[in-house]
Amino acid sequence: MGPLLDILVTVVPVFLVLGAGAAAVRGGIVTPGTIDGAMVFAQGIALPCLLFAAVARLDLGDVFDPGLLVSFYGAATVTFALGVVGARILFHRRPGEAVAIGFGALFSNSLLLGLPITERAFGTDALAPNIAIISIHAPYCYLIGIVTMEIARADGRGVWATVRAVGRAVGRNGLMIGLAIGFGVNATGGWLPEPVWVAVDMMAQAALP
């Protein structure tokens, strides 16, 4: 099996799921109300369960490799800066608009696409570095984006107001709540009883599809 076929076998199932969803909407099987409910379930319940379970079971000392995090977030920061500068210089967008465009460039889909594709390609054991990256993704990206937006605004809110805005954005994020609880359980040695783990894993398995 050649490299191209290997890649196709790995990624095609993920995009078949995406295509099936799009076809279900086009065919009227899935309505806008259904989509809203599915999004609430996925973003507010299933994905937080997935991240909670993953972080709670990680060996944090092995997974949080400084070289990995610096390489990922260094590249993400450069991409953000290029997005802002390109929007300002090439497309003549206003400062706030340029930051918003850079913010879009900063966020990679390391969760909804990154996890299933990595699992398909390398197996479940390879997901640990992805989880390490995801665990600080939202705080870092919100911090970079909101601070830069405040600098760009003529009526910026100041340092402490900006810190509070970042804290509110992160604290209201269901994914971050799941990660935070996972870190807490990890610190206690994963003390949850087996039936709870089984229930959490059932929810987690529904998350990515």
C-alpha atoms as a PDB file:
ATOM      1  CA  MET A   1       0.000   0.000   0.000  1.00  0.00           C
ATOM      2  CA  GLY A   2       1.541   3.278  -1.136  1.00  0.00           C
ATOM      3  CA  PRO A   3       1.868   6.411   1.024  1.00  0.00           C
ATOM      4  CA  LEU A   4      -0.996   8.197  -0.769  1.00  0.00           C
ATOM      5  CA  LEU A   5      -3.351   5.271  -0.261  1.00  0.00           C
ATOM      6  CA  ASP A   6      -2.286   5.079   3.398  1.00  0.00           C
ATOM      7  CA  ILE A   7      -3.238   8.736   3.841  1.00  0.00           C
ATOM      8  CA  LEU A   8      -6.584   8.263   2.114  1.00  0.00           C
ATOM      9  CA  VAL A   9      -7.452   5.212   4.219  1.00  0.00           C
ATOM     10  CA  THR A  10      -6.631   7.248   7.323  1.00  0.00           C
ATOM     11  CA  VAL A  11      -8.515  10.466   6.594  1.00  0.00           C
ATOM     12  CA  VAL A  12     -11.407   9.374   4.362  1.00  0.00           C
ATOM     13  CA  PRO A  13     -13.520   7.882   7.205  1.00  0.00           C
ATOM     14  CA  VAL A  14     -13.432  11.206   9.049  1.00  0.00           C
ATOM     15  CA  PHE A  15     -14.606  13.096   5.994  1.00  0.00           C
ATOM     16  CA  LEU A  16     -17.243  10.458   5.260  1.00  0.00           C
ATOM     17  CA  VAL A  17     -18.764  11.322   8.648  1.00  0.00           C
ATOM     18  CA  LEU A  18     -18.661  15.010   7.732  1.00  0.00           C
ATOM     19  CA  GLY A  19     -20.178  14.296   4.335  1.00  0.00           C
ATOM     20  CA  ALA A  20     -22.939  12.181   5.839  1.00  0.00           C
ATOM     21  CA  GLY A  21     -23.828  15.049   8.151  1.00  0.00           C
ATOM     22  CA  ALA A  22     -23.953  17.514   5.274  1.00  0.00           C
ATOM     23  CA  ALA A  23     -26.100  15.130   3.230  1.00  0.00           C
ATOM     24  CA  ALA A  24     -28.479  14.651   6.153  1.00  0.00           C
ATOM     25  CA  VAL A  25     -28.966  18.417   6.362  1.00  0.00           C
ATOM     26  CA  ARG A  26     -29.413  18.824   2.606  1.00  0.00           C
ATOM     27  CA  GLY A  27     -31.929  15.969   2.595  1.00  0.00           C
ATOM     28  CA  GLY A  28     -33.975  17.485   5.419  1.00  0.00           C
ATOM     29  CA  ILE A  29     -33.306  14.600   7.789  1.00  0.00           C
ATOM     30  CA  VAL A  30     -31.481  16.915  10.180  1.00  0.00           C
ATOM     31  CA  THR A  31     -33.207  20.244  10.884  1.00  0.00           C
ATOM     32  CA  PRO A  32     -31.659  23.469  12.213  1.00  0.00           C
ATOM     33  CA  GLY A  33     -33.136  22.744  15.641  1.00  0.00           C
ATOM     34  CA  THR A  34     -31.536  19.315  15.611  1.00  0.00           C
ATOM     35  CA  ILE A  35     -28.185  20.857  14.749  1.00  0.00           C
ATOM     36  CA  ASP A  36     -28.465  23.305  17.651  1.00  0.00           C
ATOM     37  CA  GLY A  37     -29.198  20.444  20.040  1.00  0.00           C
ATOM     38  CA  ALA A  38     -26.344  18.352  18.678  1.00  0.00           C
ATOM     39  CA  MET A  39     -23.954  21.281  19.095  1.00  0.00           C
ATOM     40  CA  VAL A  40     -25.034  21.823  22.705  1.00  0.00           C
ATOM     41  CA  PHE A  41     -24.543  18.118  23.420  1.00  0.00           C
ATOM     42  CA  ALA A  42     -21.182  17.892  21.648  1.00  0.00           C
ATOM     43  CA  GLN A  43     -19.613  21.124  22.898  1.00  0.00           C
ATOM     44  CA  GLY A  44     -21.186  21.193  26.346  1.00  0.00           C
ATOM     45  CA  ILE A  45     -21.249  17.533  27.389  1.00  0.00           C
ATOM     46  CA  ALA A  46     -19.584  14.941  25.143  1.00  0.00           C
ATOM     47  CA  LEU A  47     -16.352  16.766  24.270  1.00  0.00           C
ATOM     48  CA  PRO A  48     -15.766  17.922  27.866  1.00  0.00           C
ATOM     49  CA  CYS A  49     -16.186  14.266  28.914  1.00  0.00           C
ATOM     50  CA  LEU A  50     -13.663  13.211  26.271  1.00  0.00           C
ATOM     51  CA  LEU A  51     -11.083  15.765  27.407  1.00  0.00           C
ATOM     52  CA  PHE A  52     -11.757  15.066  31.086  1.00  0.00           C
ATOM     53  CA  ALA A  53     -11.181  11.329  30.630  1.00  0.00           C
ATOM     54  CA  ALA A  54      -8.041  11.866  28.555  1.00  0.00           C
ATOM     55  CA  VAL A  55      -6.390  14.339  30.937  1.00  0.00           C
ATOM     56  CA  ALA A  56      -7.382  12.410  34.072  1.00  0.00           C
ATOM     57  CA  ARG A  57      -5.454   9.376  32.771  1.00  0.00           C
ATOM     58  CA  LEU A  58      -2.391  11.120  31.358  1.00  0.00           C
ATOM     59  CA  ASP A  59       1.096  10.789  32.767  1.00  0.00           C
ATOM     60  CA  LEU A  60       1.575  14.550  32.927  1.00  0.00           C
ATOM     61  CA  GLY A  61       5.322  14.364  33.486  1.00  0.00           C
ATOM     62  CA  ASP A  62       5.851  12.427  30.265  1.00  0.00           C
ATOM     63  CA  VAL A  63       3.334  14.225  28.072  1.00  0.00           C
ATOM     64  CA  PHE A  64       4.077  17.894  28.712  1.00  0.00           C
ATOM     65  CA  ASP A  65       7.212  18.110  26.619  1.00  0.00           C
ATOM     66  CA  PRO A  66       8.464  21.742  26.411  1.00  0.00           C
ATOM     67  CA  GLY A  67       9.850  21.158  22.926  1.00  0.00           C
ATOM     68  CA  LEU A  68       6.462  19.960  21.670  1.00  0.00           C
ATOM     69  CA  LEU A  69       4.559  22.890  23.186  1.00  0.00           C
ATOM     70  CA  VAL A  70       7.075  25.513  22.065  1.00  0.00           C
ATOM     71  CA  SER A  71       7.108  24.196  18.501  1.00  0.00           C
ATOM     72  CA  PHE A  72       3.299  24.111  18.274  1.00  0.00           C
ATOM     73  CA  TYR A  73       2.525  27.407  19.962  1.00  0.00           C
ATOM     74  CA  GLY A  74       5.488  29.169  18.401  1.00  0.00           C
ATOM     75  CA  ALA A  75       4.121  28.285  14.970  1.00  0.00           C
ATOM     76  CA  ALA A  76       0.593  29.241  16.057  1.00  0.00           C
ATOM     77  CA  THR A  77       1.776  32.653  17.248  1.00  0.00           C
ATOM     78  CA  VAL A  78       3.656  33.311  14.011  1.00  0.00           C
ATOM     79  CA  THR A  79       0.534  32.332  12.049  1.00  0.00           C
ATOM     80  CA  PHE A  80      -1.544  34.737  14.139  1.00  0.00           C
ATOM     81  CA  ALA A  81       0.918  37.575  13.508  1.00  0.00           C
ATOM     82  CA  LEU A  82       0.998  36.859   9.762  1.00  0.00           C
ATOM     83  CA  GLY A  83      -2.808  36.840   9.680  1.00  0.00           C
ATOM     84  CA  VAL A  84      -3.005  40.233  11.405  1.00  0.00           C
ATOM     85  CA  VAL A  85      -0.276  41.830   9.293  1.00  0.00           C
ATOM     86  CA  GLY A  86      -1.636  40.354   6.063  1.00  0.00           C
ATOM     87  CA  ALA A  87      -5.155  41.584   6.807  1.00  0.00           C
ATOM     88  CA  ARG A  88      -3.857  45.086   7.539  1.00  0.00           C
ATOM     89  CA  ILE A  89      -1.373  45.450   4.686  1.00  0.00           C
ATOM     90  CA  LEU A  90      -2.788  43.284   1.900  1.00  0.00           C
ATOM     91  CA  PHE A  91      -6.517  43.705   2.500  1.00  0.00           C
ATOM     92  CA  HIS A  92      -6.498  47.085   4.259  1.00  0.00           C
ATOM     93  CA  ARG A  93      -8.732  45.923   7.099  1.00  0.00           C
ATOM     94  CA  ARG A  94      -9.252  48.017  10.202  1.00  0.00           C
ATOM     95  CA  PRO A  95      -7.166  47.049  13.278  1.00  0.00           C
ATOM     96  CA  GLY A  96      -9.994  45.228  15.050  1.00  0.00           C
ATOM     97  CA  GLU A  97     -10.940  43.333  11.904  1.00  0.00           C
ATOM     98  CA  ALA A  98      -7.305  42.393  11.295  1.00  0.00           C
ATOM     99  CA  VAL A  99      -7.009  40.945  14.794  1.00  0.00           C
ATOM    100  CA  ALA A 100     -10.214  38.932  14.280  1.00  0.00           C
ATOM    101  CA  ILE A 101      -8.802  37.490  11.048  1.00  0.00           C
ATOM    102  CA  GLY A 102      -5.520  36.671  12.801  1.00  0.00           C
ATOM    103  CA  PHE A 103      -7.508  35.005  15.590  1.00  0.00           C
ATOM    104  CA  GLY A 104      -9.136  32.743  13.005  1.00  0.00           C
ATOM    105  CA  ALA A 105      -5.687  31.832  11.681  1.00  0.00           C
ATOM    106  CA  LEU A 106      -4.460  31.144  15.227  1.00  0.00           C
ATOM    107  CA  PHE A 107      -7.051  28.463  16.023  1.00  0.00           C
ATOM    108  CA  SER A 108      -6.283  25.093  14.467  1.00  0.00           C
ATOM    109  CA  ASN A 109      -8.796  22.261  14.621  1.00  0.00           C
ATOM    110  CA  SER A 110      -6.589  20.102  16.802  1.00  0.00           C
ATOM    111  CA  LEU A 111      -9.613  18.627  18.593  1.00  0.00           C
ATOM    112  CA  LEU A 112     -12.419  17.727  16.173  1.00  0.00           C
ATOM    113  CA  LEU A 113     -10.151  16.816  13.267  1.00  0.00           C
ATOM    114  CA  GLY A 114      -6.813  16.350  15.006  1.00  0.00           C
ATOM    115  CA  LEU A 115      -7.906  13.629  17.421  1.00  0.00           C
ATOM    116  CA  PRO A 116      -9.766  11.310  15.032  1.00  0.00           C
ATOM    117  CA  ILE A 117      -7.135  11.593  12.299  1.00  0.00           C
ATOM    118  CA  THR A 118      -4.265  11.012  14.744  1.00  0.00           C
ATOM    119  CA  GLU A 119      -6.069   8.027  16.246  1.00  0.00           C
ATOM    120  CA  ARG A 120      -6.719   6.556  12.803  1.00  0.00           C
ATOM    121  CA  ALA A 121      -3.104   7.073  11.757  1.00  0.00           C
ATOM    122  CA  PHE A 122      -1.164   6.108  14.882  1.00  0.00           C
ATOM    123  CA  GLY A 123      -3.580   4.514  17.371  1.00  0.00           C
ATOM    124  CA  THR A 124      -5.062   5.608  20.676  1.00  0.00           C
ATOM    125  CA  ASP A 125      -1.707   5.677  22.473  1.00  0.00           C
ATOM    126  CA  ALA A 126      -0.544   8.484  20.181  1.00  0.00           C
ATOM    127  CA  LEU A 127      -3.253  10.883  21.356  1.00  0.00           C
ATOM    128  CA  ALA A 128      -1.425  11.963  24.512  1.00  0.00           C
ATOM    129  CA  PRO A 129       0.621  14.757  22.835  1.00  0.00           C
ATOM    130  CA  ASN A 130      -2.568  16.055  21.167  1.00  0.00           C
ATOM    131  CA  ILE A 131      -4.293  16.196  24.540  1.00  0.00           C
ATOM    132  CA  ALA A 132      -1.332  18.046  26.045  1.00  0.00           C
ATOM    133  CA  ILE A 133      -1.559  20.660  23.290  1.00  0.00           C
ATOM    134  CA  ILE A 134      -5.345  20.953  23.581  1.00  0.00           C
ATOM    135  CA  SER A 135      -5.192  21.349  27.363  1.00  0.00           C
ATOM    136  CA  ILE A 136      -3.676  24.832  27.088  1.00  0.00           C
ATOM    137  CA  HIS A 137      -4.996  25.730  23.654  1.00  0.00           C
ATOM    138  CA  ALA A 138      -7.963  27.865  24.671  1.00  0.00           C
ATOM    139  CA  PRO A 139      -6.235  29.809  27.489  1.00  0.00           C
ATOM    140  CA  TYR A 140      -3.248  30.610  25.314  1.00  0.00           C
ATOM    141  CA  CYS A 141      -5.235  31.546  22.219  1.00  0.00           C
ATOM    142  CA  TYR A 142      -7.783  33.613  24.133  1.00  0.00           C
ATOM    143  CA  LEU A 143      -4.948  35.428  25.903  1.00  0.00           C
ATOM    144  CA  ILE A 144      -3.130  36.241  22.668  1.00  0.00           C
ATOM    145  CA  GLY A 145      -6.299  37.231  20.796  1.00  0.00           C
ATOM    146  CA  ILE A 146      -7.968  39.319  23.495  1.00  0.00           C
ATOM    147  CA  VAL A 147      -4.790  41.119  24.558  1.00  0.00           C
ATOM    148  CA  THR A 148      -3.981  41.997  20.942  1.00  0.00           C
ATOM    149  CA  MET A 149      -7.557  43.181  20.376  1.00  0.00           C
ATOM    150  CA  GLU A 150      -7.354  45.423  23.444  1.00  0.00           C
ATOM    151  CA  ILE A 151      -4.086  46.903  22.199  1.00  0.00           C
ATOM    152  CA  ALA A 152      -5.666  47.560  18.804  1.00  0.00           C
ATOM    153  CA  ARG A 153      -8.748  49.225  20.310  1.00  0.00           C
ATOM    154  CA  ALA A 154      -8.585  52.958  20.872  1.00  0.00           C
ATOM    155  CA  ASP A 155     -10.613  52.509  24.084  1.00  0.00           C
ATOM    156  CA  GLY A 156      -8.777  49.473  25.388  1.00  0.00           C
ATOM    157  CA  ARG A 157      -9.937  48.256  28.784  1.00  0.00           C
ATOM    158  CA  GLY A 158      -6.557  48.145  30.496  1.00  0.00           C
ATOM    159  CA  VAL A 159      -4.530  45.271  31.921  1.00  0.00           C
ATOM    160  CA  TRP A 160      -6.795  44.029  34.708  1.00  0.00           C
ATOM    161  CA  ALA A 161      -9.991  44.320  32.705  1.00  0.00           C
ATOM    162  CA  THR A 162      -8.310  42.368  29.916  1.00  0.00           C
ATOM    163  CA  VAL A 163      -7.176  39.673  32.379  1.00  0.00           C
ATOM    164  CA  ARG A 164     -10.747  39.409  33.677  1.00  0.00           C
ATOM    165  CA  ALA A 165     -12.081  39.132  30.118  1.00  0.00           C
ATOM    166  CA  VAL A 166      -9.674  36.286  29.391  1.00  0.00           C
ATOM    167  CA  GLY A 167     -10.646  34.579  32.647  1.00  0.00           C
ATOM    168  CA  ARG A 168     -14.365  34.849  31.854  1.00  0.00           C
ATOM    169  CA  ALA A 169     -13.871  33.519  28.323  1.00  0.00           C
ATOM    170  CA  VAL A 170     -11.916  30.521  29.570  1.00  0.00           C
ATOM    171  CA  GLY A 171     -14.067  29.887  32.646  1.00  0.00           C
ATOM    172  CA  ARG A 172     -17.280  29.701  30.609  1.00  0.00           C
ATOM    173  CA  ASN A 173     -15.807  27.263  28.090  1.00  0.00           C
ATOM    174  CA  GLY A 174     -17.156  23.733  28.670  1.00  0.00           C
ATOM    175  CA  LEU A 175     -14.027  22.224  27.149  1.00  0.00           C
ATOM    176  CA  MET A 176     -11.840  24.072  29.641  1.00  0.00           C
ATOM    177  CA  ILE A 177     -14.079  23.009  32.527  1.00  0.00           C
ATOM    178  CA  GLY A 178     -13.709  19.371  31.479  1.00  0.00           C
ATOM    179  CA  LEU A 179      -9.932  19.781  31.257  1.00  0.00           C
ATOM    180  CA  ALA A 180      -9.736  21.481  34.660  1.00  0.00           C
ATOM    181  CA  ILE A 181     -11.716  18.697  36.359  1.00  0.00           C
ATOM    182  CA  GLY A 182      -9.533  16.147  34.563  1.00  0.00           C
ATOM    183  CA  PHE A 183      -6.385  17.751  35.959  1.00  0.00           C
ATOM    184  CA  GLY A 184      -7.958  17.653  39.427  1.00  0.00           C
ATOM    185  CA  VAL A 185      -8.752  13.950  39.164  1.00  0.00           C
ATOM    186  CA  ASN A 186      -5.300  13.268  37.729  1.00  0.00           C
ATOM    187  CA  ALA A 187      -3.726  14.942  40.756  1.00  0.00           C
ATOM    188  CA  THR A 188      -5.642  12.627  43.088  1.00  0.00           C
ATOM    189  CA  GLY A 189      -4.641   9.474  41.227  1.00  0.00           C
ATOM    190  CA  GLY A 190      -7.871   8.898  39.269  1.00  0.00           C
ATOM    191  CA  TRP A 191      -9.977   8.028  42.302  1.00  0.00           C
ATOM    192  CA  LEU A 192     -13.339   7.727  40.495  1.00  0.00           C
ATOM    193  CA  PRO A 193     -15.144   4.346  40.770  1.00  0.00           C
ATOM    194  CA  GLU A 194     -15.246   2.075  37.731  1.00  0.00           C
ATOM    195  CA  PRO A 195     -18.969   2.644  36.880  1.00  0.00           C
ATOM    196  CA  VAL A 196     -18.281   6.387  36.622  1.00  0.00           C
ATOM    197  CA  TRP A 197     -15.364   5.801  34.264  1.00  0.00           C
ATOM    198  CA  VAL A 198     -17.518   3.531  32.106  1.00  0.00           C
ATOM    199  CA  ALA A 199     -20.248   6.187  31.901  1.00  0.00           C
ATOM    200  CA  VAL A 200     -17.734   8.919  31.057  1.00  0.00           C
ATOM    201  CA  ASP A 201     -16.176   6.759  28.342  1.00  0.00           C
ATOM    202  CA  MET A 202     -19.612   6.090  26.830  1.00  0.00           C
ATOM    203  CA  MET A 203     -20.159   9.842  26.539  1.00  0.00           C
ATOM    204  CA  ALA A 204     -16.631  10.402  25.217  1.00  0.00           C
ATOM    205  CA  GLN A 205     -17.119   7.858  22.428  1.00  0.00           C
ATOM    206  CA  ALA A 206     -20.034   9.931  21.117  1.00  0.00           C
ATOM    207  CA  ALA A 207     -18.060  13.171  21.064  1.00  0.00           C
ATOM    208  CA  LEU A 208     -16.045  13.175  17.857  1.00  0.00           C
ATOM    209  CA  PRO A 209     -18.654  11.763  15.432  1.00  0.00           C
END
